[in-house]
Each structure stands twice: as C-alpha cells, then as structure tokens.
Amino acid sequence: MNIEDARLYCLSKQNASEDFPFDETTLVFRVENKIFACVDLMNTKWFCVKCDPERAIELRDAYSAITPAWHWNKKYWNQLDIEALPDAVVCELIDHSFDEVIKKMPKRVRLLYGK
C-alpha cells in the first residue's frame, strides 16, 4: 500500500480528520480529536497505529514489518511498514486503531459509532 491509499483509507473512517499538530511533516489522523494514526511525510513507508497491548505483541511476533512505534508509547502503538504488508492487513490495523480510540470514549460517543 502507498501513503496516499493509507491516507484516503484513514479519512474514509467516520468523522476522521487530519492535521499537523507537531510539525510540518508529521501528519496525524483523528476521530473526535483523538489520534488513531500517524505518518511522517519524510519517511512515508512507516505508518503508526494504536493497538491493544496483547495484540500488539502478537502482531510484532507474526510480522517483521510491524515494530514498536518510534516516539510513541510502545505498549499501545505499532509502526507498520505499509509497503511490505498486504493491503488487507494495513486496512484491518487502521480499523483496529480507530476502534481502540472509540472504545475509550464516553458511552454517548461510542453509540454514535455503533460501539
């Protein structure tokens, strides 16, 4: 998958937005103002997504293209080599990240997302 396809997939999520809160090259994707994905536009093959801690370890063991995310809490964030992983895996992990962020929101917000 290339960065533009990953970007468009993130933006296809309900109420997703993008911005540059840290600097002019670190693009983040948000839902309800909470980050669910991030990419450095200077190195677009690495895409960071949030993950359930136990699943994060399993994924890192199963795929050499998934590592702890640099500059993020390595317990909850994985770094994906989106050029090396199958597109279906990248999309599934973006979906999982989005869901991880939504599940920590108040019930009234979760209901808006069918959670």
PDB file of N, CA and C in Angstrom:
ATOM      1  N   MET A   1       0.860  -1.175   0.000  1.00  0.00           N
ATOM      2  CA  MET A   1       0.000   0.000   0.000  1.00  0.00           C
ATOM      3  C   MET A   1       0.902   1.232   0.000  1.00  0.00           C
ATOM      4  N   ASN A   2       0.489   2.262  -0.675  1.00  0.00           N
ATOM      5  CA  ASN A   2       1.257   3.503  -0.646  1.00  0.00           C
ATOM      6  C   ASN A   2       0.620   4.480   0.343  1.00  0.00           C
ATOM      7  N   ILE A   3       1.329   5.553   0.621  1.00  0.00           N
ATOM      8  CA  ILE A   3       0.883   6.503   1.642  1.00  0.00           C
ATOM      9  C   ILE A   3      -0.448   7.157   1.273  1.00  0.00           C
ATOM     10  N   GLU A   4      -0.666   7.461   0.005  1.00  0.00           N
ATOM     11  CA  GLU A   4      -1.919   8.125  -0.375  1.00  0.00           C
ATOM     12  C   GLU A   4      -3.114   7.193  -0.170  1.00  0.00           C
ATOM     13  N   ASP A   5      -2.951   5.913  -0.478  1.00  0.00           N
ATOM     14  CA  ASP A   5      -4.037   4.951  -0.238  1.00  0.00           C
ATOM     15  C   ASP A   5      -4.315   4.816   1.261  1.00  0.00           C
ATOM     16  N   ALA A   6      -3.259   4.766   2.064  1.00  0.00           N
ATOM     17  CA  ALA A   6      -3.438   4.679   3.524  1.00  0.00           C
ATOM     18  C   ALA A   6      -4.112   5.951   4.045  1.00  0.00           C
ATOM     19  N   ARG A   7      -3.705   7.092   3.533  1.00  0.00           N
ATOM     20  CA  ARG A   7      -4.306   8.375   3.938  1.00  0.00           C
ATOM     21  C   ARG A   7      -5.794   8.397   3.610  1.00  0.00           C
ATOM     22  N   LEU A   8      -6.127   8.024   2.390  1.00  0.00           N
ATOM     23  CA  LEU A   8      -7.543   8.037   1.988  1.00  0.00           C
ATOM     24  C   LEU A   8      -8.355   7.030   2.795  1.00  0.00           C
ATOM     25  N   TYR A   9      -7.756   5.895   3.124  1.00  0.00           N
ATOM     26  CA  TYR A   9      -8.478   4.914   3.942  1.00  0.00           C
ATOM     27  C   TYR A   9      -8.761   5.481   5.331  1.00  0.00           C
ATOM     28  N   CYS A  10      -7.771   6.140   5.924  1.00  0.00           N
ATOM     29  CA  CYS A  10      -7.983   6.765   7.240  1.00  0.00           C
ATOM     30  C   CYS A  10      -9.094   7.813   7.170  1.00  0.00           C
ATOM     31  N   LEU A  11      -9.064   8.623   6.136  1.00  0.00           N
ATOM     32  CA  LEU A  11     -10.067   9.687   6.007  1.00  0.00           C
ATOM     33  C   LEU A  11     -11.454   9.161   5.667  1.00  0.00           C
ATOM     34  N   SER A  12     -11.544   7.910   5.216  1.00  0.00           N
ATOM     35  CA  SER A  12     -12.853   7.317   4.927  1.00  0.00           C
ATOM     36  C   SER A  12     -13.587   6.887   6.202  1.00  0.00           C
ATOM     37  N   LYS A  13     -12.858   6.852   7.324  1.00  0.00           N
ATOM     38  CA  LYS A  13     -13.474   6.466   8.589  1.00  0.00           C
ATOM     39  C   LYS A  13     -14.422   7.579   9.050  1.00  0.00           C
ATOM     40  N   GLN A  14     -15.474   7.202   9.730  1.00  0.00           N
ATOM     41  CA  GLN A  14     -16.497   8.141  10.198  1.00  0.00           C
ATOM     42  C   GLN A  14     -15.874   9.281  11.014  1.00  0.00           C
ATOM     43  N   ASN A  15     -16.136  10.509  10.599  1.00  0.00           N
ATOM     44  CA  ASN A  15     -15.673  11.734  11.285  1.00  0.00           C
ATOM     45  C   ASN A  15     -14.154  11.849  11.407  1.00  0.00           C
ATOM     46  N   ALA A  16     -13.412  11.195  10.540  1.00  0.00           N
ATOM     47  CA  ALA A  16     -11.956  11.284  10.589  1.00  0.00           C
ATOM     48  C   ALA A  16     -11.488  12.624  10.031  1.00  0.00           C
ATOM     49  N   SER A  17     -10.402  13.119  10.595  1.00  0.00           N
ATOM     50  CA  SER A  17      -9.789  14.358  10.110  1.00  0.00           C
ATOM     51  C   SER A  17      -8.276  14.180  10.145  1.00  0.00           C
ATOM     52  N   GLU A  18      -7.578  15.123   9.517  1.00  0.00           N
ATOM     53  CA  GLU A  18      -6.116  15.075   9.513  1.00  0.00           C
ATOM     54  C   GLU A  18      -5.574  16.457   9.843  1.00  0.00           C
ATOM     55  N   ASP A  19      -4.405  16.496  10.467  1.00  0.00           N
ATOM     56  CA  ASP A  19      -3.753  17.766  10.756  1.00  0.00           C
ATOM     57  C   ASP A  19      -2.285  17.535  11.074  1.00  0.00           C
ATOM     58  N   PHE A  20      -1.559  18.628  11.290  1.00  0.00           N
ATOM     59  CA  PHE A  20      -0.131  18.609  11.592  1.00  0.00           C
ATOM     60  C   PHE A  20       0.105  19.277  12.951  1.00  0.00           C
ATOM     61  N   PRO A  21      -0.171  18.588  14.067  1.00  0.00           N
ATOM     62  CA  PRO A  21      -0.060  19.226  15.378  1.00  0.00           C
ATOM     63  C   PRO A  21       1.369  19.392  15.900  1.00  0.00           C
ATOM     64  N   PHE A  22       2.302  18.603  15.397  1.00  0.00           N
ATOM     65  CA  PHE A  22       3.657  18.589  15.953  1.00  0.00           C
ATOM     66  C   PHE A  22       4.652  19.406  15.129  1.00  0.00           C
ATOM     67  N   ASP A  23       4.597  19.242  13.817  1.00  0.00           N
ATOM     68  CA  ASP A  23       5.490  19.952  12.906  1.00  0.00           C
ATOM     69  C   ASP A  23       4.902  19.866  11.498  1.00  0.00           C
ATOM     70  N   GLU A  24       5.643  20.329  10.508  1.00  0.00           N
ATOM     71  CA  GLU A  24       5.090  20.377   9.154  1.00  0.00           C
ATOM     72  C   GLU A  24       5.196  19.059   8.388  1.00  0.00           C
ATOM     73  N   THR A  25       5.788  18.018   8.995  1.00  0.00           N
ATOM     74  CA  THR A  25       5.896  16.737   8.291  1.00  0.00           C
ATOM     75  C   THR A  25       5.190  15.578   8.989  1.00  0.00           C
ATOM     76  N   THR A  26       4.744  15.765  10.220  1.00  0.00           N
ATOM     77  CA  THR A  26       4.086  14.682  10.957  1.00  0.00           C
ATOM     78  C   THR A  26       2.572  14.827  10.829  1.00  0.00           C
ATOM     79  N   LEU A  27       2.002  14.008   9.951  1.00  0.00           N
ATOM     80  CA  LEU A  27       0.572  14.036   9.675  1.00  0.00           C
ATOM     81  C   LEU A  27      -0.135  13.058  10.607  1.00  0.00           C
ATOM     82  N   VAL A  28      -1.145  13.543  11.322  1.00  0.00           N
ATOM     83  CA  VAL A  28      -1.926  12.665  12.197  1.00  0.00           C
ATOM     84  C   VAL A  28      -3.368  12.602  11.722  1.00  0.00           C
ATOM     85  N   PHE A  29      -3.992  11.485  12.032  1.00  0.00           N
ATOM     86  CA  PHE A  29      -5.404  11.264  11.714  1.00  0.00           C
ATOM     87  C   PHE A  29      -6.139  11.130  13.026  1.00  0.00           C
ATOM     88  N   ARG A  30      -7.265  11.816  13.130  1.00  0.00           N
ATOM     89  CA  ARG A  30      -8.018  11.866  14.389  1.00  0.00           C
ATOM     90  C   ARG A  30      -9.480  11.482  14.179  1.00  0.00           C
ATOM     91  N   VAL A  31     -10.062  11.036  15.287  1.00  0.00           N
ATOM     92  CA  VAL A  31     -11.502  10.883  15.398  1.00  0.00           C
ATOM     93  C   VAL A  31     -11.874  11.486  16.747  1.00  0.00           C
ATOM     94  N   GLU A  32     -12.887  12.330  16.761  1.00  0.00           N
ATOM     95  CA  GLU A  32     -13.296  13.008  18.000  1.00  0.00           C
ATOM     96  C   GLU A  32     -12.086  13.657  18.684  1.00  0.00           C
ATOM     97  N   ASN A  33     -11.201  14.215  17.886  1.00  0.00           N
ATOM     98  CA  ASN A  33     -10.000  14.925  18.327  1.00  0.00           C
ATOM     99  C   ASN A  33      -8.949  14.025  18.987  1.00  0.00           C
ATOM    100  N   LYS A  34      -9.065  12.719  18.842  1.00  0.00           N
ATOM    101  CA  LYS A  34      -8.088  11.766  19.384  1.00  0.00           C
ATOM    102  C   LYS A  34      -7.344  11.107  18.221  1.00  0.00           C
ATOM    103  N   ILE A  35      -6.038  10.996  18.344  1.00  0.00           N
ATOM    104  CA  ILE A  35      -5.210  10.431  17.279  1.00  0.00           C
ATOM    105  C   ILE A  35      -5.389   8.917  17.192  1.00  0.00           C
ATOM    106  N   PHE A  36      -5.617   8.421  15.953  1.00  0.00           N
ATOM    107  CA  PHE A  36      -5.674   6.975  15.740  1.00  0.00           C
ATOM    108  C   PHE A  36      -4.611   6.494  14.749  1.00  0.00           C
ATOM    109  N   ALA A  37      -3.954   7.411  14.047  1.00  0.00           N
ATOM    110  CA  ALA A  37      -2.878   7.029  13.131  1.00  0.00           C
ATOM    111  C   ALA A  37      -1.978   8.230  12.889  1.00  0.00           C
ATOM    112  N   CYS A  38      -0.750   7.917  12.454  1.00  0.00           N
ATOM    113  CA  CYS A  38       0.239   8.974  12.258  1.00  0.00           C
ATOM    114  C   CYS A  38       1.260   8.515  11.221  1.00  0.00           C
ATOM    115  N   VAL A  39       1.759   9.473  10.452  1.00  0.00           N
ATOM    116  CA  VAL A  39       2.823   9.176   9.487  1.00  0.00           C
ATOM    117  C   VAL A  39       3.734  10.387   9.361  1.00  0.00           C
ATOM    118  N   ASP A  40       5.026  10.128   9.256  1.00  0.00           N
ATOM    119  CA  ASP A  40       5.990  11.194   8.987  1.00  0.00           C
ATOM    120  C   ASP A  40       6.135  11.283   7.471  1.00  0.00           C
ATOM    121  N   LEU A  41       5.810  12.397   6.896  1.00  0.00           N
ATOM    122  CA  LEU A  41       5.839  12.546   5.445  1.00  0.00           C
ATOM    123  C   LEU A  41       7.258  12.518   4.874  1.00  0.00           C
ATOM    124  N   MET A  42       8.267  12.544   5.727  1.00  0.00           N
ATOM    125  CA  MET A  42       9.648  12.412   5.271  1.00  0.00           C
ATOM    126  C   MET A  42      10.057  10.937   5.126  1.00  0.00           C
ATOM    127  N   ASN A  43       9.257  10.035   5.705  1.00  0.00           N
ATOM    128  CA  ASN A  43       9.520   8.600   5.612  1.00  0.00           C
ATOM    129  C   ASN A  43       8.171   7.889   5.579  1.00  0.00           C
ATOM    130  N   THR A  44       7.542   7.914   4.440  1.00  0.00           N
ATOM    131  CA  THR A  44       6.133   7.502   4.336  1.00  0.00           C
ATOM    132  C   THR A  44       5.893   6.001   4.350  1.00  0.00           C
ATOM    133  N   LYS A  45       6.932   5.196   4.366  1.00  0.00           N
ATOM    134  CA  LYS A  45       6.666   3.750   4.408  1.00  0.00           C
ATOM    135  C   LYS A  45       6.252   3.307   5.805  1.00  0.00           C
ATOM    136  N   TRP A  46       6.554   4.111   6.845  1.00  0.00           N
ATOM    137  CA  TRP A  46       6.204   3.761   8.219  1.00  0.00           C
ATOM    138  C   TRP A  46       4.944   4.490   8.655  1.00  0.00           C
ATOM    139  N   PHE A  47       3.956   3.753   9.061  1.00  0.00           N
ATOM    140  CA  PHE A  47       2.649   4.276   9.458  1.00  0.00           C
ATOM    141  C   PHE A  47       2.389   3.789  10.876  1.00  0.00           C
ATOM    142  N   CYS A  48       2.073   4.667  11.805  1.00  0.00           N
ATOM    143  CA  CYS A  48       1.853   4.291  13.205  1.00  0.00           C
ATOM    144  C   CYS A  48       0.363   4.205  13.511  1.00  0.00           C
ATOM    145  N   VAL A  49      -0.015   3.142  14.198  1.00  0.00           N
ATOM    146  CA  VAL A  49      -1.413   2.935  14.586  1.00  0.00           C
ATOM    147  C   VAL A  49      -1.482   2.430  16.025  1.00  0.00           C
ATOM    148  N   LYS A  50      -2.577   2.752  16.680  1.00  0.00           N
ATOM    149  CA  LYS A  50      -2.809   2.299  18.051  1.00  0.00           C
ATOM    150  C   LYS A  50      -3.253   0.836  18.022  1.00  0.00           C
ATOM    151  N   CYS A  51      -2.939   0.108  19.119  1.00  0.00           N
ATOM    152  CA  CYS A  51      -3.258  -1.317  19.139  1.00  0.00           C
ATOM    153  C   CYS A  51      -3.468  -1.793  20.568  1.00  0.00           C
ATOM    154  N   ASP A  52      -4.323  -2.770  20.728  1.00  0.00           N
ATOM    155  CA  ASP A  52      -4.474  -3.445  22.008  1.00  0.00           C
ATOM    156  C   ASP A  52      -3.103  -4.007  22.401  1.00  0.00           C
ATOM    157  N   PRO A  53      -2.645  -3.808  23.647  1.00  0.00           N
ATOM    158  CA  PRO A  53      -1.287  -4.219  24.033  1.00  0.00           C
ATOM    159  C   PRO A  53      -0.951  -5.693  23.781  1.00  0.00           C
ATOM    160  N   GLU A  54      -1.871  -6.589  24.083  1.00  0.00           N
ATOM    161  CA  GLU A  54      -1.597  -8.011  23.859  1.00  0.00           C
ATOM    162  C   GLU A  54      -1.519  -8.328  22.375  1.00  0.00           C
ATOM    163  N   ARG A  55      -2.415  -7.731  21.624  1.00  0.00           N
ATOM    164  CA  ARG A  55      -2.416  -7.954  20.176  1.00  0.00           C
ATOM    165  C   ARG A  55      -1.173  -7.339  19.538  1.00  0.00           C
ATOM    166  N   ALA A  56      -0.710  -6.221  20.078  1.00  0.00           N
ATOM    167  CA  ALA A  56       0.486  -5.562  19.538  1.00  0.00           C
ATOM    168  C   ALA A  56       1.673  -6.521  19.571  1.00  0.00           C
ATOM    169  N   ILE A  57       1.835  -7.226  20.666  1.00  0.00           N
ATOM    170  CA  ILE A  57       2.937  -8.181  20.803  1.00  0.00           C
ATOM    171  C   ILE A  57       2.779  -9.322  19.803  1.00  0.00           C
ATOM    172  N   GLU A  58       1.560  -9.855  19.682  1.00  0.00           N
ATOM    173  CA  GLU A  58       1.305 -10.943  18.740  1.00  0.00           C
ATOM    174  C   GLU A  58       1.630 -10.519  17.305  1.00  0.00           C
ATOM    175  N   LEU A  59       1.224  -9.308  16.944  1.00  0.00           N
ATOM    176  CA  LEU A  59       1.472  -8.820  15.586  1.00  0.00           C
ATOM    177  C   LEU A  59       2.968  -8.652  15.318  1.00  0.00           C
ATOM    178  N   ARG A  60       3.694  -8.141  16.304  1.00  0.00           N
ATOM    179  CA  ARG A  60       5.143  -7.955  16.143  1.00  0.00           C
ATOM    180  C   ARG A  60       5.849  -9.296  15.974  1.00  0.00           C
ATOM    181  N   ASP A  61       5.337 -10.329  16.658  1.00  0.00           N
ATOM    182  CA  ASP A  61       5.917 -11.667  16.519  1.00  0.00           C
ATOM    183  C   ASP A  61       5.575 -12.289  15.163  1.00  0.00           C
ATOM    184  N   ALA A  62       4.397 -11.973  14.644  1.00  0.00           N
ATOM    185  CA  ALA A  62       3.932 -12.580  13.398  1.00  0.00           C
ATOM    186  C   ALA A  62       4.472 -11.896  12.137  1.00  0.00           C
ATOM    187  N   TYR A  63       4.753 -10.596  12.205  1.00  0.00           N
ATOM    188  CA  TYR A  63       5.180  -9.839  11.024  1.00  0.00           C
ATOM    189  C   TYR A  63       6.456  -9.048  11.322  1.00  0.00           C
ATOM    190  N   SER A  64       7.478  -9.265  10.535  1.00  0.00           N
ATOM    191  CA  SER A  64       8.705  -8.476  10.707  1.00  0.00           C
ATOM    192  C   SER A  64       8.488  -7.021  10.303  1.00  0.00           C
ATOM    193  N   ALA A  65       7.433  -6.739   9.551  1.00  0.00           N
ATOM    194  CA  ALA A  65       7.115  -5.376   9.091  1.00  0.00           C
ATOM    195  C   ALA A  65       6.296  -4.591  10.117  1.00  0.00           C
ATOM    196  N   ILE A  66       6.085  -5.176  11.311  1.00  0.00           N
ATOM    197  CA  ILE A  66       5.386  -4.480  12.394  1.00  0.00           C
ATOM    198  C   ILE A  66       6.329  -4.430  13.595  1.00  0.00           C
ATOM    199  N   THR A  67       6.613  -3.210  14.045  1.00  0.00           N
ATOM    200  CA  THR A  67       7.538  -2.998  15.157  1.00  0.00           C
ATOM    201  C   THR A  67       6.928  -1.998  16.138  1.00  0.00           C
ATOM    202  N   PRO A  68       7.498  -1.887  17.343  1.00  0.00           N
ATOM    203  CA  PRO A  68       7.028  -0.849  18.267  1.00  0.00           C
ATOM    204  C   PRO A  68       7.228   0.532  17.622  1.00  0.00           C
ATOM    205  N   ALA A  69       6.279   1.409  17.810  1.00  0.00           N
ATOM    206  CA  ALA A  69       6.321   2.723  17.156  1.00  0.00           C
ATOM    207  C   ALA A  69       7.355   3.643  17.797  1.00  0.00           C
ATOM    208  N   TRP A  70       8.156   4.235  16.958  1.00  0.00           N
ATOM    209  CA  TRP A  70       9.167   5.186  17.395  1.00  0.00           C
ATOM    210  C   TRP A  70       8.481   6.455  17.873  1.00  0.00           C
ATOM    211  N   HIS A  71       8.882   7.000  18.986  1.00  0.00           N
ATOM    212  CA  HIS A  71       8.341   8.238  19.575  1.00  0.00           C
ATOM    213  C   HIS A  71       6.895   8.121  20.074  1.00  0.00           C
ATOM    214  N   TRP A  72       6.366   6.924  20.190  1.00  0.00           N
ATOM    215  CA  TRP A  72       5.018   6.708  20.724  1.00  0.00           C
ATOM    216  C   TRP A  72       5.138   5.685  21.842  1.00  0.00           C
ATOM    217  N   ASN A  73       4.105   5.573  22.658  1.00  0.00           N
ATOM    218  CA  ASN A  73       4.103   4.574  23.724  1.00  0.00           C
ATOM    219  C   ASN A  73       4.115   3.188  23.080  1.00  0.00           C
ATOM    220  N   LYS A  74       5.235   2.499  23.221  1.00  0.00           N
ATOM    221  CA  LYS A  74       5.431   1.227  22.526  1.00  0.00           C
ATOM    222  C   LYS A  74       4.505   0.120  23.017  1.00  0.00           C
ATOM    223  N   LYS A  75       3.881   0.319  24.154  1.00  0.00           N
ATOM    224  CA  LYS A  75       2.911  -0.663  24.647  1.00  0.00           C
ATOM    225  C   LYS A  75       1.638  -0.630  23.788  1.00  0.00           C
ATOM    226  N   TYR A  76       1.258   0.558  23.331  1.00  0.00           N
ATOM    227  CA  TYR A  76      -0.013   0.732  22.626  1.00  0.00           C
ATOM    228  C   TYR A  76       0.102   1.062  21.137  1.00  0.00           C
ATOM    229  N   TRP A  77       1.290   1.375  20.671  1.00  0.00           N
ATOM    230  CA  TRP A  77       1.424   1.842  19.287  1.00  0.00           C
ATOM    231  C   TRP A  77       2.386   0.956  18.504  1.00  0.00           C
ATOM    232  N   ASN A  78       1.940   0.561  17.303  1.00  0.00           N
ATOM    233  CA  ASN A  78       2.766  -0.196  16.374  1.00  0.00           C
ATOM    234  C   ASN A  78       3.117   0.673  15.181  1.00  0.00           C
ATOM    235  N   GLN A  79       4.267   0.383  14.622  1.00  0.00           N
ATOM    236  CA  GLN A  79       4.732   1.030  13.410  1.00  0.00           C
ATOM    237  C   GLN A  79       4.653  -0.014  12.298  1.00  0.00           C
ATOM    238  N   LEU A  80       3.933   0.310  11.232  1.00  0.00           N
ATOM    239  CA  LEU A  80       3.725  -0.629  10.131  1.00  0.00           C
ATOM    240  C   LEU A  80       4.540  -0.215   8.921  1.00  0.00           C
ATOM    241  N   ASP A  81       5.237  -1.157   8.317  1.00  0.00           N
ATOM    242  CA  ASP A  81       5.868  -0.905   7.024  1.00  0.00           C
ATOM    243  C   ASP A  81       4.781  -1.190   5.991  1.00  0.00           C
ATOM    244  N   ILE A  82       4.072  -0.136   5.582  1.00  0.00           N
ATOM    245  CA  ILE A  82       2.889  -0.332   4.729  1.00  0.00           C
ATOM    246  C   ILE A  82       3.246  -0.816   3.329  1.00  0.00           C
ATOM    247  N   GLU A  83       4.510  -0.686   2.939  1.00  0.00           N
ATOM    248  CA  GLU A  83       4.935  -1.191   1.632  1.00  0.00           C
ATOM    249  C   GLU A  83       5.175  -2.696   1.669  1.00  0.00           C
ATOM    250  N   ALA A  84       5.456  -3.239   2.856  1.00  0.00           N
ATOM    251  CA  ALA A  84       5.782  -4.664   2.985  1.00  0.00           C
ATOM    252  C   ALA A  84       4.586  -5.520   3.407  1.00  0.00           C
ATOM    253  N   LEU A  85       3.583  -4.905   4.015  1.00  0.00           N
ATOM    254  CA  LEU A  85       2.419  -5.657   4.489  1.00  0.00           C
ATOM    255  C   LEU A  85       1.337  -5.720   3.417  1.00  0.00           C
ATOM    256  N   PRO A  86       0.539  -6.777   3.415  1.00  0.00           N
ATOM    257  CA  PRO A  86      -0.600  -6.826   2.499  1.00  0.00           C
ATOM    258  C   PRO A  86      -1.578  -5.680   2.806  1.00  0.00           C
ATOM    259  N   ASP A  87      -2.196  -5.129   1.772  1.00  0.00           N
ATOM    260  CA  ASP A  87      -3.142  -4.025   1.954  1.00  0.00           C
ATOM    261  C   ASP A  87      -4.240  -4.376   2.947  1.00  0.00           C
ATOM    262  N   ALA A  88      -4.729  -5.615   2.895  1.00  0.00           N
ATOM    263  CA  ALA A  88      -5.811  -6.030   3.795  1.00  0.00           C
ATOM    264  C   ALA A  88      -5.374  -5.952   5.255  1.00  0.00           C
ATOM    265  N   VAL A  89      -4.120  -6.270   5.540  1.00  0.00           N
ATOM    266  CA  VAL A  89      -3.607  -6.205   6.906  1.00  0.00           C
ATOM    267  C   VAL A  89      -3.506  -4.751   7.350  1.00  0.00           C
ATOM    268  N   VAL A  90      -3.000  -3.889   6.485  1.00  0.00           N
ATOM    269  CA  VAL A  90      -2.891  -2.464   6.818  1.00  0.00           C
ATOM    270  C   VAL A  90      -4.276  -1.892   7.119  1.00  0.00           C
ATOM    271  N   CYS A  91      -5.245  -2.182   6.260  1.00  0.00           N
ATOM    272  CA  CYS A  91      -6.608  -1.672   6.475  1.00  0.00           C
ATOM    273  C   CYS A  91      -7.203  -2.214   7.767  1.00  0.00           C
ATOM    274  N   GLU A  92      -7.006  -3.486   8.043  1.00  0.00           N
ATOM    275  CA  GLU A  92      -7.547  -4.087   9.262  1.00  0.00           C
ATOM    276  C   GLU A  92      -6.927  -3.438  10.498  1.00  0.00           C
ATOM    277  N   LEU A  93      -5.642  -3.109  10.444  1.00  0.00           N
ATOM    278  CA  LEU A  93      -4.987  -2.497  11.597  1.00  0.00           C
ATOM    279  C   LEU A  93      -5.372  -1.032  11.761  1.00  0.00           C
ATOM    280  N   ILE A  94      -5.665  -0.351  10.682  1.00  0.00           N
ATOM    281  CA  ILE A  94      -6.217   1.012  10.782  1.00  0.00           C
ATOM    282  C   ILE A  94      -7.600   0.944  11.419  1.00  0.00           C
ATOM    283  N   ASP A  95      -8.418  -0.020  10.980  1.00  0.00           N
ATOM    284  CA  ASP A  95      -9.747  -0.204  11.580  1.00  0.00           C
ATOM    285  C   ASP A  95      -9.622  -0.490  13.077  1.00  0.00           C
ATOM    286  N   HIS A  96      -8.697  -1.366  13.431  1.00  0.00           N
ATOM    287  CA  HIS A  96      -8.492  -1.731  14.838  1.00  0.00           C
ATOM    288  C   HIS A  96      -8.072  -0.504  15.645  1.00  0.00           C
ATOM    289  N   SER A  97      -7.178   0.296  15.099  1.00  0.00           N
ATOM    290  CA  SER A  97      -6.722   1.502  15.783  1.00  0.00           C
ATOM    291  C   SER A  97      -7.881   2.464  16.014  1.00  0.00           C
ATOM    292  N   PHE A  98      -8.668   2.678  14.991  1.00  0.00           N
ATOM    293  CA  PHE A  98      -9.847   3.541  15.087  1.00  0.00           C
ATOM    294  C   PHE A  98     -10.767   3.038  16.202  1.00  0.00           C
ATOM    295  N   ASP A  99     -11.022   1.732  16.212  1.00  0.00           N
ATOM    296  CA  ASP A  99     -11.900   1.131  17.228  1.00  0.00           C
ATOM    297  C   ASP A  99     -11.304   1.247  18.635  1.00  0.00           C
ATOM    298  N   GLU A 100      -9.982   1.109  18.756  1.00  0.00           N
ATOM    299  CA  GLU A 100      -9.324   1.247  20.062  1.00  0.00           C
ATOM    300  C   GLU A 100      -9.532   2.646  20.636  1.00  0.00           C
ATOM    301  N   VAL A 101      -9.499   3.651  19.776  1.00  0.00           N
ATOM    302  CA  VAL A 101      -9.708   5.029  20.226  1.00  0.00           C
ATOM    303  C   VAL A 101     -11.168   5.237  20.618  1.00  0.00           C
ATOM    304  N   ILE A 102     -12.084   4.751  19.800  1.00  0.00           N
ATOM    305  CA  ILE A 102     -13.522   4.917  20.075  1.00  0.00           C
ATOM    306  C   ILE A 102     -13.915   4.210  21.375  1.00  0.00           C
ATOM    307  N   LYS A 103     -13.383   3.029  21.624  1.00  0.00           N
ATOM    308  CA  LYS A 103     -13.828   2.260  22.799  1.00  0.00           C
ATOM    309  C   LYS A 103     -13.458   2.920  24.124  1.00  0.00           C
ATOM    310  N   LYS A 104     -12.558   3.885  24.116  1.00  0.00           N
ATOM    311  CA  LYS A 104     -12.176   4.584  25.341  1.00  0.00           C
ATOM    312  C   LYS A 104     -12.983   5.866  25.554  1.00  0.00           C
ATOM    313  N   MET A 105     -13.905   6.139  24.657  1.00  0.00           N
ATOM    314  CA  MET A 105     -14.708   7.357  24.752  1.00  0.00           C
ATOM    315  C   MET A 105     -15.958   7.109  25.585  1.00  0.00           C
ATOM    316  N   PRO A 106     -16.595   8.177  26.034  1.00  0.00           N
ATOM    317  CA  PRO A 106     -17.840   8.012  26.801  1.00  0.00           C
ATOM    318  C   PRO A 106     -18.896   7.256  25.986  1.00  0.00           C
ATOM    319  N   LYS A 107     -19.787   6.597  26.696  1.00  0.00           N
ATOM    320  CA  LYS A 107     -20.805   5.752  26.059  1.00  0.00           C
ATOM    321  C   LYS A 107     -21.620   6.518  25.022  1.00  0.00           C
ATOM    322  N   ARG A 108     -21.989   7.757  25.321  1.00  0.00           N
ATOM    323  CA  ARG A 108     -22.798   8.531  24.376  1.00  0.00           C
ATOM    324  C   ARG A 108     -22.062   8.745  23.055  1.00  0.00           C
ATOM    325  N   VAL A 109     -20.742   8.849  23.094  1.00  0.00           N
ATOM    326  CA  VAL A 109     -19.951   8.987  21.869  1.00  0.00           C
ATOM    327  C   VAL A 109     -19.802   7.638  21.175  1.00  0.00           C
ATOM    328  N   ARG A 110     -19.520   6.587  21.946  1.00  0.00           N
ATOM    329  CA  ARG A 110     -19.394   5.246  21.360  1.00  0.00           C
ATOM    330  C   ARG A 110     -20.645   4.848  20.606  1.00  0.00           C
ATOM    331  N   LEU A 111     -21.801   5.219  21.130  1.00  0.00           N
ATOM    332  CA  LEU A 111     -23.073   4.869  20.475  1.00  0.00           C
ATOM    333  C   LEU A 111     -23.186   5.508  19.086  1.00  0.00           C
ATOM    334  N   LEU A 112     -22.596   6.684  18.912  1.00  0.00           N
ATOM    335  CA  LEU A 112     -22.606   7.334  17.596  1.00  0.00           C
ATOM    336  C   LEU A 112     -21.852   6.519  16.541  1.00  0.00           C
ATOM    337  N   TYR A 113     -20.942   5.663  17.012  1.00  0.00           N
ATOM    338  CA  TYR A 113     -20.124   4.836  16.133  1.00  0.00           C
ATOM    339  C   TYR A 113     -20.551   3.374  16.168  1.00  0.00           C
ATOM    340  N   GLY A 114     -21.684   3.104  16.787  1.00  0.00           N
ATOM    341  CA  GLY A 114     -22.199   1.740  16.846  1.00  0.00           C
ATOM    342  C   GLY A 114     -21.390   0.837  17.752  1.00  0.00           C
ATOM    343  N   LYS A 115     -20.734   1.407  18.750  1.00  0.00           N
ATOM    344  CA  LYS A 115     -19.884   0.608  19.655  1.00  0.00           C
ATOM    345  C   LYS A 115     -20.458   0.551  21.050  1.00  0.00           C
TER     346      LYS A 115
END
